[in-house]
């Protein structure tokens, strides 16, 4: 099973904080044998093309900025 967790965009007033809740969930899913990716739209701007690329082939972006392994 593959899971894509998305941290939605929100305005940054000071310093962006990492999505720790998603990180904890991703770690638990990964420990259960699930392939997990996290997409952080706070630090990587949303575009339809980028999202389509991630949904079509989430493992192709394993080592790039917008999506990473848990």
N, C-alpha and C. Protein backbone atom coordinates (compact mmCIF):
# COMPACT_ATOMS: atom_id res chain seq x y z
N UNK A 1 0.85 -1.16 0.00
CA UNK A 1 0.00 0.00 0.00
C UNK A 1 0.91 1.23 0.00
N UNK A 2 0.46 2.28 -0.71
CA UNK A 2 1.19 3.54 -0.74
C UNK A 2 0.29 4.65 -0.19
N UNK A 3 0.89 5.53 0.61
CA UNK A 3 0.15 6.63 1.22
C UNK A 3 0.91 7.92 0.96
N UNK A 4 0.18 8.95 0.55
CA UNK A 4 0.75 10.29 0.39
C UNK A 4 0.10 11.19 1.42
N UNK A 5 0.90 11.71 2.35
CA UNK A 5 0.41 12.63 3.36
C UNK A 5 0.74 14.05 2.90
N UNK A 6 -0.24 14.96 2.98
CA UNK A 6 -0.06 16.32 2.47
C UNK A 6 -0.19 17.32 3.61
N UNK A 7 0.83 18.16 3.75
CA UNK A 7 0.79 19.28 4.67
C UNK A 7 0.33 20.49 3.84
N UNK A 8 -0.90 20.99 4.04
CA UNK A 8 -1.41 22.06 3.20
C UNK A 8 -0.70 23.39 3.46
N UNK A 9 -0.79 24.27 2.48
CA UNK A 9 -0.20 25.60 2.61
C UNK A 9 -0.90 26.38 3.70
N UNK A 10 -0.13 27.15 4.45
CA UNK A 10 -0.68 28.13 5.39
C UNK A 10 0.30 29.29 5.42
N UNK A 11 -0.18 30.50 5.67
CA UNK A 11 0.72 31.66 5.69
C UNK A 11 1.76 31.53 6.80
N UNK A 12 2.97 31.87 6.47
CA UNK A 12 4.05 31.79 7.44
C UNK A 12 4.26 33.17 8.04
N UNK A 13 4.01 33.30 9.33
CA UNK A 13 4.20 34.60 9.98
C UNK A 13 5.63 34.76 10.47
N UNK A 14 6.25 33.69 10.86
CA UNK A 14 7.63 33.76 11.34
C UNK A 14 8.47 32.71 10.62
N UNK A 15 8.67 31.60 11.26
CA UNK A 15 9.48 30.53 10.70
C UNK A 15 8.59 29.31 10.49
N UNK A 16 8.69 28.67 9.32
CA UNK A 16 7.87 27.47 9.12
C UNK A 16 8.29 26.36 10.08
N UNK A 17 7.32 25.64 10.57
CA UNK A 17 7.64 24.52 11.44
C UNK A 17 7.42 23.23 10.66
N UNK A 18 8.24 22.23 10.89
CA UNK A 18 8.07 20.97 10.18
C UNK A 18 6.75 20.31 10.57
N UNK A 19 6.15 19.57 9.66
CA UNK A 19 4.88 18.89 9.96
C UNK A 19 5.10 17.67 10.84
N UNK A 20 5.30 17.91 12.14
CA UNK A 20 5.65 16.82 13.05
C UNK A 20 4.53 15.79 13.18
N UNK A 21 3.29 16.24 13.18
CA UNK A 21 2.18 15.29 13.26
C UNK A 21 2.19 14.33 12.08
N UNK A 22 2.42 14.86 10.88
CA UNK A 22 2.51 13.99 9.70
C UNK A 22 3.74 13.09 9.77
N UNK A 23 4.82 13.61 10.33
CA UNK A 23 6.03 12.81 10.46
C UNK A 23 5.80 11.62 11.40
N UNK A 24 5.12 11.86 12.52
CA UNK A 24 4.81 10.77 13.45
C UNK A 24 3.90 9.73 12.79
N UNK A 25 2.88 10.21 12.08
CA UNK A 25 1.97 9.29 11.39
C UNK A 25 2.72 8.51 10.30
N UNK A 26 3.57 9.20 9.55
CA UNK A 26 4.34 8.54 8.50
C UNK A 26 5.25 7.46 9.09
N UNK A 27 5.88 7.75 10.22
CA UNK A 27 6.76 6.76 10.85
C UNK A 27 5.99 5.53 11.29
N UNK A 28 4.81 5.73 11.85
CA UNK A 28 3.98 4.60 12.29
C UNK A 28 3.53 3.76 11.10
N UNK A 29 3.12 4.44 10.03
CA UNK A 29 2.70 3.71 8.83
C UNK A 29 3.86 2.95 8.22
N UNK A 30 5.02 3.59 8.17
CA UNK A 30 6.20 2.93 7.61
C UNK A 30 6.59 1.72 8.45
N UNK A 31 6.49 1.82 9.75
CA UNK A 31 6.80 0.68 10.63
C UNK A 31 5.84 -0.48 10.40
N UNK A 32 4.64 -0.16 9.91
CA UNK A 32 3.65 -1.19 9.62
C UNK A 32 3.79 -1.73 8.20
N UNK A 33 4.83 -1.27 7.48
CA UNK A 33 5.09 -1.80 6.14
C UNK A 33 4.47 -1.01 5.01
N UNK A 34 3.97 0.17 5.29
CA UNK A 34 3.34 0.99 4.26
C UNK A 34 4.38 1.91 3.64
N UNK A 35 4.34 2.06 2.32
CA UNK A 35 5.21 3.02 1.63
C UNK A 35 4.60 4.40 1.80
N UNK A 36 5.35 5.33 2.39
CA UNK A 36 4.81 6.64 2.75
C UNK A 36 5.63 7.75 2.11
N UNK A 37 4.95 8.78 1.62
CA UNK A 37 5.57 10.01 1.15
C UNK A 37 4.85 11.17 1.82
N UNK A 38 5.59 12.25 2.06
CA UNK A 38 5.02 13.46 2.63
C UNK A 38 5.23 14.59 1.65
N UNK A 39 4.17 15.31 1.36
CA UNK A 39 4.22 16.46 0.46
C UNK A 39 3.97 17.70 1.30
N UNK A 40 4.97 18.58 1.40
CA UNK A 40 4.86 19.76 2.24
C UNK A 40 4.64 20.99 1.36
N UNK A 41 3.39 21.45 1.30
CA UNK A 41 3.05 22.58 0.45
C UNK A 41 3.37 23.93 1.09
N UNK A 42 3.88 23.92 2.31
CA UNK A 42 4.31 25.16 2.95
C UNK A 42 5.65 25.59 2.36
N UNK A 43 6.55 24.65 2.17
CA UNK A 43 7.88 24.98 1.67
C UNK A 43 8.05 24.72 0.18
N UNK A 44 7.13 23.99 -0.42
CA UNK A 44 7.19 23.73 -1.86
C UNK A 44 5.86 24.14 -2.46
N UNK A 45 5.85 25.19 -3.30
CA UNK A 45 4.59 25.73 -3.82
C UNK A 45 3.77 24.70 -4.61
N UNK A 46 2.47 24.80 -4.45
CA UNK A 46 1.54 23.91 -5.15
C UNK A 46 1.44 24.30 -6.61
N UNK A 47 1.40 23.30 -7.47
CA UNK A 47 1.03 23.48 -8.87
C UNK A 47 0.31 22.21 -9.31
N UNK A 48 -0.61 22.35 -10.22
CA UNK A 48 -1.35 21.18 -10.69
C UNK A 48 -0.42 20.17 -11.33
N UNK A 49 0.57 20.65 -12.08
CA UNK A 49 1.51 19.74 -12.75
C UNK A 49 2.32 18.94 -11.73
N UNK A 50 2.80 19.60 -10.68
CA UNK A 50 3.58 18.91 -9.65
C UNK A 50 2.73 17.87 -8.95
N UNK A 51 1.50 18.23 -8.58
CA UNK A 51 0.63 17.28 -7.90
C UNK A 51 0.29 16.10 -8.80
N UNK A 52 0.03 16.36 -10.07
CA UNK A 52 -0.26 15.27 -11.01
C UNK A 52 0.94 14.33 -11.12
N UNK A 53 2.14 14.89 -11.15
CA UNK A 53 3.35 14.07 -11.22
C UNK A 53 3.49 13.20 -9.98
N UNK A 54 3.23 13.77 -8.81
CA UNK A 54 3.34 13.02 -7.56
C UNK A 54 2.30 11.90 -7.51
N UNK A 55 1.07 12.20 -7.92
CA UNK A 55 0.01 11.19 -7.87
C UNK A 55 0.22 10.10 -8.91
N UNK A 56 0.79 10.44 -10.06
CA UNK A 56 1.03 9.44 -11.10
C UNK A 56 2.17 8.51 -10.73
N UNK A 57 3.19 9.04 -10.08
CA UNK A 57 4.36 8.23 -9.77
C UNK A 57 5.04 8.75 -8.51
N UNK A 58 4.48 8.49 -7.32
CA UNK A 58 5.07 9.03 -6.10
C UNK A 58 6.48 8.56 -5.82
N UNK A 59 6.86 7.38 -6.29
CA UNK A 59 8.21 6.90 -6.01
C UNK A 59 9.24 7.55 -6.91
N UNK A 60 8.82 8.17 -8.02
CA UNK A 60 9.78 8.80 -8.92
C UNK A 60 10.40 10.04 -8.29
N UNK A 61 9.78 10.60 -7.28
CA UNK A 61 10.28 11.81 -6.64
C UNK A 61 10.90 11.53 -5.28
N UNK A 62 11.31 10.30 -5.07
CA UNK A 62 11.79 9.88 -3.74
C UNK A 62 12.87 10.80 -3.18
N UNK A 63 13.78 11.28 -4.00
CA UNK A 63 14.89 12.07 -3.48
C UNK A 63 14.79 13.55 -3.83
N UNK A 64 13.63 14.05 -4.18
CA UNK A 64 13.50 15.46 -4.52
C UNK A 64 12.91 16.24 -3.35
N UNK A 65 12.86 17.54 -3.46
CA UNK A 65 12.40 18.38 -2.36
C UNK A 65 10.95 18.19 -1.94
N UNK A 66 9.97 18.17 -2.87
CA UNK A 66 8.59 18.21 -2.39
C UNK A 66 8.11 16.93 -1.72
N UNK A 67 8.72 15.82 -2.02
CA UNK A 67 8.24 14.55 -1.48
C UNK A 67 9.43 13.79 -0.94
N UNK A 68 9.31 13.24 0.24
CA UNK A 68 10.42 12.49 0.79
C UNK A 68 9.90 11.29 1.57
N UNK A 69 10.78 10.35 1.78
CA UNK A 69 10.41 9.18 2.58
C UNK A 69 10.30 9.58 4.03
N UNK A 70 9.46 8.88 4.73
CA UNK A 70 9.32 9.14 6.17
C UNK A 70 10.50 8.60 6.91
